[in-house]
N, C-alpha and C. Protein backbone atom coordinates (compact mmCIF):
# COMPACT_ATOMS: atom_id res chain seq x y z
N MET A 1 -48.99 7.80 -94.28
CA MET A 1 -48.48 7.67 -93.25
C MET A 1 -48.04 7.62 -91.76
N ILE A 2 -47.04 7.95 -90.93
CA ILE A 2 -46.54 8.22 -90.13
C ILE A 2 -47.36 8.59 -89.24
N ARG A 3 -47.20 9.64 -87.59
CA ARG A 3 -47.95 10.57 -87.53
C ARG A 3 -46.95 10.27 -85.83
N PHE A 4 -46.19 10.58 -85.40
CA PHE A 4 -45.05 11.19 -84.09
C PHE A 4 -46.38 11.49 -83.39
N GLN A 5 -46.44 11.16 -81.97
CA GLN A 5 -46.87 12.37 -80.63
C GLN A 5 -45.41 13.26 -80.40
N GLN A 6 -46.62 14.69 -80.42
CA GLN A 6 -44.94 15.02 -79.60
C GLN A 6 -45.05 15.14 -78.08
N ASN A 7 -45.45 15.15 -77.26
CA ASN A 7 -44.54 14.67 -75.85
C ASN A 7 -45.70 13.50 -75.22
N ALA A 8 -44.92 11.85 -76.42
CA ALA A 8 -45.20 11.40 -76.29
C ALA A 8 -43.90 10.40 -74.95
N ARG A 9 -44.70 9.60 -74.08
CA ARG A 9 -44.36 8.75 -73.22
C ARG A 9 -43.09 7.70 -73.18
N PRO A 10 -41.99 7.52 -72.72
CA PRO A 10 -41.42 6.08 -73.48
C PRO A 10 -41.59 5.04 -72.68
N ARG A 11 -41.50 3.85 -73.51
CA ARG A 11 -42.45 2.75 -72.76
C ARG A 11 -41.25 2.11 -71.68
N THR A 12 -42.79 2.15 -71.01
CA THR A 12 -41.96 1.53 -69.59
C THR A 12 -42.14 0.21 -69.23
N ASP A 13 -43.02 -1.12 -69.72
CA ASP A 13 -43.91 -2.49 -70.17
C ASP A 13 -42.36 -2.86 -70.44
N THR A 14 -41.41 -2.47 -70.80
CA THR A 14 -40.12 -3.15 -71.27
C THR A 14 -39.29 -3.69 -70.42
N PRO A 15 -38.81 -4.74 -69.46
CA PRO A 15 -38.70 -5.25 -68.47
C PRO A 15 -36.81 -4.81 -68.34
N ALA A 16 -36.32 -4.48 -67.22
CA ALA A 16 -34.76 -4.32 -67.50
C ALA A 16 -33.25 -5.73 -67.20
N HIS A 17 -32.56 -5.08 -67.17
CA HIS A 17 -31.67 -6.21 -67.40
C HIS A 17 -31.46 -6.68 -65.87
N GLN A 18 -31.29 -7.94 -65.01
CA GLN A 18 -31.11 -7.81 -64.42
C GLN A 18 -29.64 -7.63 -63.89
N PHE A 19 -29.28 -8.67 -65.05
CA PHE A 19 -27.56 -8.75 -64.69
C PHE A 19 -26.13 -7.95 -65.13
N ALA A 20 -25.49 -7.14 -64.90
CA ALA A 20 -24.42 -6.38 -65.50
C ALA A 20 -23.79 -7.02 -66.11
N ILE A 21 -23.05 -6.70 -67.36
CA ILE A 21 -21.69 -7.38 -67.58
C ILE A 21 -20.61 -7.73 -67.08
N GLY A 22 -20.10 -8.28 -67.24
CA GLY A 22 -19.05 -8.67 -66.49
C GLY A 22 -19.04 -10.21 -65.53
N GLN A 23 -20.42 -9.47 -65.20
CA GLN A 23 -21.10 -10.44 -64.21
C GLN A 23 -21.27 -11.93 -63.41
N THR A 24 -21.00 -12.73 -63.33
CA THR A 24 -21.13 -14.31 -63.16
C THR A 24 -22.05 -14.80 -62.62
N VAL A 25 -22.73 -15.95 -63.82
CA VAL A 25 -23.91 -16.69 -63.09
C VAL A 25 -23.23 -17.63 -63.42
N ARG A 26 -24.71 -18.68 -63.45
CA ARG A 26 -24.71 -19.62 -63.43
C ARG A 26 -26.34 -20.31 -64.56
N MET A 27 -26.10 -20.85 -65.61
CA MET A 27 -27.59 -21.86 -65.58
C MET A 27 -28.34 -22.34 -64.70
N LYS A 28 -29.67 -22.09 -64.70
CA LYS A 28 -30.71 -22.83 -63.59
C LYS A 28 -30.23 -24.11 -64.52
N SER A 29 -30.86 -25.11 -63.61
CA SER A 29 -30.98 -26.16 -63.98
C SER A 29 -32.85 -26.87 -63.44
N ARG A 30 -32.88 -27.56 -64.85
CA ARG A 30 -34.66 -27.66 -65.27
C ARG A 30 -34.94 -28.81 -64.39
N THR A 31 -36.29 -28.64 -64.23
CA THR A 31 -36.60 -30.00 -63.56
C THR A 31 -37.24 -30.78 -64.23
N GLY A 32 -36.44 -32.06 -63.58
CA GLY A 32 -36.11 -33.27 -64.39
C GLY A 32 -35.50 -33.56 -65.23
N LEU A 33 -34.09 -32.63 -65.46
CA LEU A 33 -32.68 -32.91 -65.60
C LEU A 33 -31.49 -32.67 -65.13
N VAL A 34 -30.69 -33.40 -64.81
CA VAL A 34 -29.40 -33.54 -64.44
C VAL A 34 -28.45 -32.25 -65.19
N GLN A 35 -27.78 -31.83 -64.78
CA GLN A 35 -26.86 -31.03 -65.06
C GLN A 35 -25.37 -31.21 -64.62
N LYS A 36 -24.63 -31.57 -65.93
CA LYS A 36 -23.78 -31.80 -66.35
C LYS A 36 -22.31 -31.56 -65.82
N THR A 37 -22.62 -29.60 -65.31
CA THR A 37 -21.27 -29.20 -64.06
C THR A 37 -22.40 -28.75 -63.72
N ALA A 38 -22.06 -27.33 -62.31
CA ALA A 38 -22.51 -26.41 -62.34
C ALA A 38 -21.74 -25.52 -62.99
N GLU A 39 -21.26 -25.01 -64.76
CA GLU A 39 -20.99 -24.32 -64.80
C GLU A 39 -21.28 -22.89 -64.46
N LEU A 40 -20.34 -22.33 -64.74
CA LEU A 40 -20.10 -20.70 -64.42
C LEU A 40 -20.14 -20.06 -65.56
N PHE A 41 -20.77 -18.36 -66.13
CA PHE A 41 -19.89 -17.99 -67.60
C PHE A 41 -20.84 -16.18 -66.88
N GLN A 42 -19.62 -15.46 -67.50
CA GLN A 42 -20.20 -13.91 -67.48
C GLN A 42 -20.56 -13.76 -68.38
N ILE A 43 -21.92 -13.13 -68.15
CA ILE A 43 -22.11 -12.01 -69.38
C ILE A 43 -20.99 -11.51 -70.24
N LYS A 44 -21.35 -11.52 -70.90
CA LYS A 44 -20.74 -10.83 -71.94
C LYS A 44 -21.56 -9.43 -72.63
N SER A 45 -22.44 -9.62 -72.60
CA SER A 45 -23.27 -8.32 -73.66
C SER A 45 -24.30 -8.77 -73.90
N ARG A 46 -25.49 -7.75 -73.12
CA ARG A 46 -26.84 -7.42 -72.55
C ARG A 46 -27.43 -7.40 -74.40
N LEU A 47 -28.62 -8.41 -74.53
CA LEU A 47 -28.89 -7.98 -75.92
C LEU A 47 -30.93 -8.24 -75.69
N PRO A 48 -31.12 -7.41 -76.75
CA PRO A 48 -32.94 -6.70 -76.50
C PRO A 48 -34.24 -8.09 -76.11
N VAL A 49 -34.65 -7.63 -75.47
CA VAL A 49 -35.98 -8.73 -74.40
C VAL A 49 -36.67 -9.30 -75.59
N LYS A 50 -36.69 -10.56 -75.63
CA LYS A 50 -37.03 -11.18 -76.71
C LYS A 50 -38.26 -12.40 -75.76
N ASP A 51 -39.64 -12.55 -76.25
CA ASP A 51 -40.74 -12.63 -75.68
C ASP A 51 -40.73 -12.62 -74.02
N GLY A 52 -40.64 -11.63 -73.50
CA GLY A 52 -40.70 -11.01 -72.13
C GLY A 52 -39.39 -10.98 -71.41
N SER A 53 -38.40 -11.19 -72.36
CA SER A 53 -37.40 -11.43 -71.20
C SER A 53 -36.35 -10.93 -71.39
N PRO A 54 -34.98 -10.36 -70.67
CA PRO A 54 -33.94 -10.03 -71.57
C PRO A 54 -32.69 -10.61 -72.22
N GLN A 55 -32.35 -10.68 -72.84
CA GLN A 55 -31.43 -11.56 -73.41
C GLN A 55 -29.58 -11.03 -73.22
N TYR A 56 -29.72 -12.42 -72.46
CA TYR A 56 -27.82 -12.36 -72.42
C TYR A 56 -26.93 -13.07 -73.83
N ARG A 57 -25.41 -12.33 -73.60
CA ARG A 57 -24.72 -13.23 -74.48
C ARG A 57 -23.43 -13.46 -73.80
N ILE A 58 -23.35 -15.01 -72.94
CA ILE A 58 -22.71 -15.58 -72.12
C ILE A 58 -21.78 -16.08 -72.87
N ARG A 59 -19.98 -16.98 -72.23
CA ARG A 59 -19.73 -16.72 -72.15
C ARG A 59 -18.93 -17.79 -70.91
N SER A 60 -18.26 -19.40 -71.12
CA SER A 60 -17.62 -20.00 -69.51
C SER A 60 -15.76 -19.88 -70.28
N GLU A 61 -15.35 -19.90 -69.62
CA GLU A 61 -13.62 -20.58 -69.94
C GLU A 61 -13.67 -21.51 -70.43
N GLN A 62 -14.29 -22.57 -69.93
CA GLN A 62 -14.54 -24.00 -70.47
C GLN A 62 -14.53 -23.98 -72.07
N GLU A 63 -15.37 -22.98 -72.55
CA GLU A 63 -15.92 -23.55 -73.84
C GLU A 63 -14.95 -22.65 -74.86
N THR A 64 -15.58 -22.46 -76.54
CA THR A 64 -14.97 -21.49 -76.86
C THR A 64 -15.59 -21.39 -77.88
N HIS A 65 -16.87 -21.22 -77.59
CA HIS A 65 -17.53 -20.33 -77.99
C HIS A 65 -19.13 -19.72 -77.06
N GLU A 66 -18.92 -18.55 -77.32
CA GLU A 66 -20.54 -17.45 -76.34
C GLU A 66 -21.63 -18.55 -77.06
N ARG A 67 -22.80 -18.65 -75.47
CA ARG A 67 -23.94 -18.07 -75.76
C ARG A 67 -24.95 -17.89 -76.12
N VAL A 68 -25.84 -16.91 -76.59
CA VAL A 68 -27.22 -16.39 -76.16
C VAL A 68 -28.02 -17.15 -75.30
N THR A 69 -29.51 -16.63 -74.04
CA THR A 69 -30.04 -16.91 -72.69
C THR A 69 -30.91 -16.45 -72.64
N THR A 70 -31.63 -15.92 -72.55
CA THR A 70 -33.03 -15.38 -72.10
C THR A 70 -32.69 -14.98 -70.35
N GLU A 71 -32.92 -14.17 -69.83
CA GLU A 71 -33.03 -14.13 -67.87
C GLU A 71 -33.12 -14.77 -67.26
N ASP A 72 -34.10 -15.51 -67.41
CA ASP A 72 -35.64 -16.76 -66.99
C ASP A 72 -33.83 -18.15 -66.77
N ASN A 73 -33.59 -18.17 -67.26
CA ASN A 73 -32.11 -19.25 -67.74
C ASN A 73 -31.64 -19.08 -66.84
N LEU A 74 -30.93 -18.19 -65.72
CA LEU A 74 -29.67 -17.68 -65.15
C LEU A 74 -30.20 -17.35 -63.89
N GLU A 75 -29.18 -17.79 -62.95
CA GLU A 75 -29.20 -17.63 -61.72
C GLU A 75 -27.82 -17.00 -61.10
N PRO A 76 -28.04 -15.58 -60.32
CA PRO A 76 -26.23 -15.56 -60.10
C PRO A 76 -25.74 -16.49 -59.07
N ALA A 77 -24.25 -16.81 -59.61
CA ALA A 77 -22.91 -17.50 -58.94
C ALA A 77 -23.18 -17.49 -57.72
N ASN A 78 -23.36 -16.41 -56.89
CA ASN A 78 -23.19 -16.90 -55.61
C ASN A 78 -24.48 -16.98 -54.63
N ASP A 79 -25.50 -17.65 -55.23
CA ASP A 79 -26.64 -18.10 -55.28
C ASP A 79 -26.30 -19.91 -54.43
N PRO A 80 -26.63 -20.18 -53.60
CA PRO A 80 -25.89 -22.01 -53.45
C PRO A 80 -26.36 -22.93 -54.68
N VAL A 81 -25.85 -23.63 -55.08
CA VAL A 81 -26.33 -24.71 -55.36
C VAL A 81 -26.73 -25.91 -55.17
N VAL A 82 -27.73 -26.00 -55.42
CA VAL A 82 -28.92 -27.31 -55.20
C VAL A 82 -28.95 -28.79 -55.49
N THR A 83 -28.95 -30.00 -54.51
CA THR A 83 -28.34 -31.26 -55.60
C THR A 83 -29.54 -32.05 -54.57
N ASP A 84 -29.70 -32.84 -56.03
CA ASP A 84 -30.57 -34.00 -54.34
C ASP A 84 -29.49 -35.30 -53.51
N ASN A 85 -28.97 -35.33 -54.51
CA ASN A 85 -27.55 -36.02 -53.79
C ASN A 85 -26.83 -35.55 -52.67
N PRO A 86 -26.71 -34.55 -51.04
CA PRO A 86 -25.87 -34.11 -50.58
C PRO A 86 -24.99 -34.63 -50.04
N VAL A 87 -23.46 -34.22 -50.41
CA VAL A 87 -22.33 -35.32 -49.90
C VAL A 87 -22.48 -34.91 -47.94
N VAL A 88 -22.21 -36.16 -47.54
CA VAL A 88 -22.14 -36.15 -45.59
C VAL A 88 -20.85 -36.87 -45.11
N ALA A 89 -20.18 -35.26 -44.99
CA ALA A 89 -18.88 -35.79 -44.09
C ALA A 89 -19.16 -37.15 -43.58
N SER A 90 -18.22 -38.35 -43.66
CA SER A 90 -17.42 -39.00 -42.98
C SER A 90 -17.06 -39.28 -41.33
N ASN A 91 -16.29 -38.19 -41.77
CA ASN A 91 -15.43 -37.33 -40.37
C ASN A 91 -15.98 -36.40 -39.99
N PRO A 92 -16.43 -35.68 -38.83
CA PRO A 92 -16.96 -34.31 -39.45
C PRO A 92 -15.80 -34.00 -37.99
N VAL A 93 -15.72 -32.88 -37.95
CA VAL A 93 -14.84 -32.42 -37.36
C VAL A 93 -15.67 -31.67 -36.00
N VAL A 94 -14.72 -31.67 -35.01
CA VAL A 94 -15.66 -31.11 -33.53
C VAL A 94 -14.54 -30.12 -33.58
């Protein structure tokens, strides 16, 4: 028989989602791997927590399918992209 506590408190150890539906995000680059592009994705829906990290359904305009990923693989799109080979202007504007 299952018993329920009458004044049970809700669990607070579940992480909250950081990104909002409709927000533009980018996949984080992985150490040692080169990203094909700095492709942007839009959050389509929030999904339950998996292995301690909230999940999201995301979609890129360049693809015909949606992806599911965890929050620890995403970063806001307004963060600057860091590259290993910075472009140096040959004719700087003075």
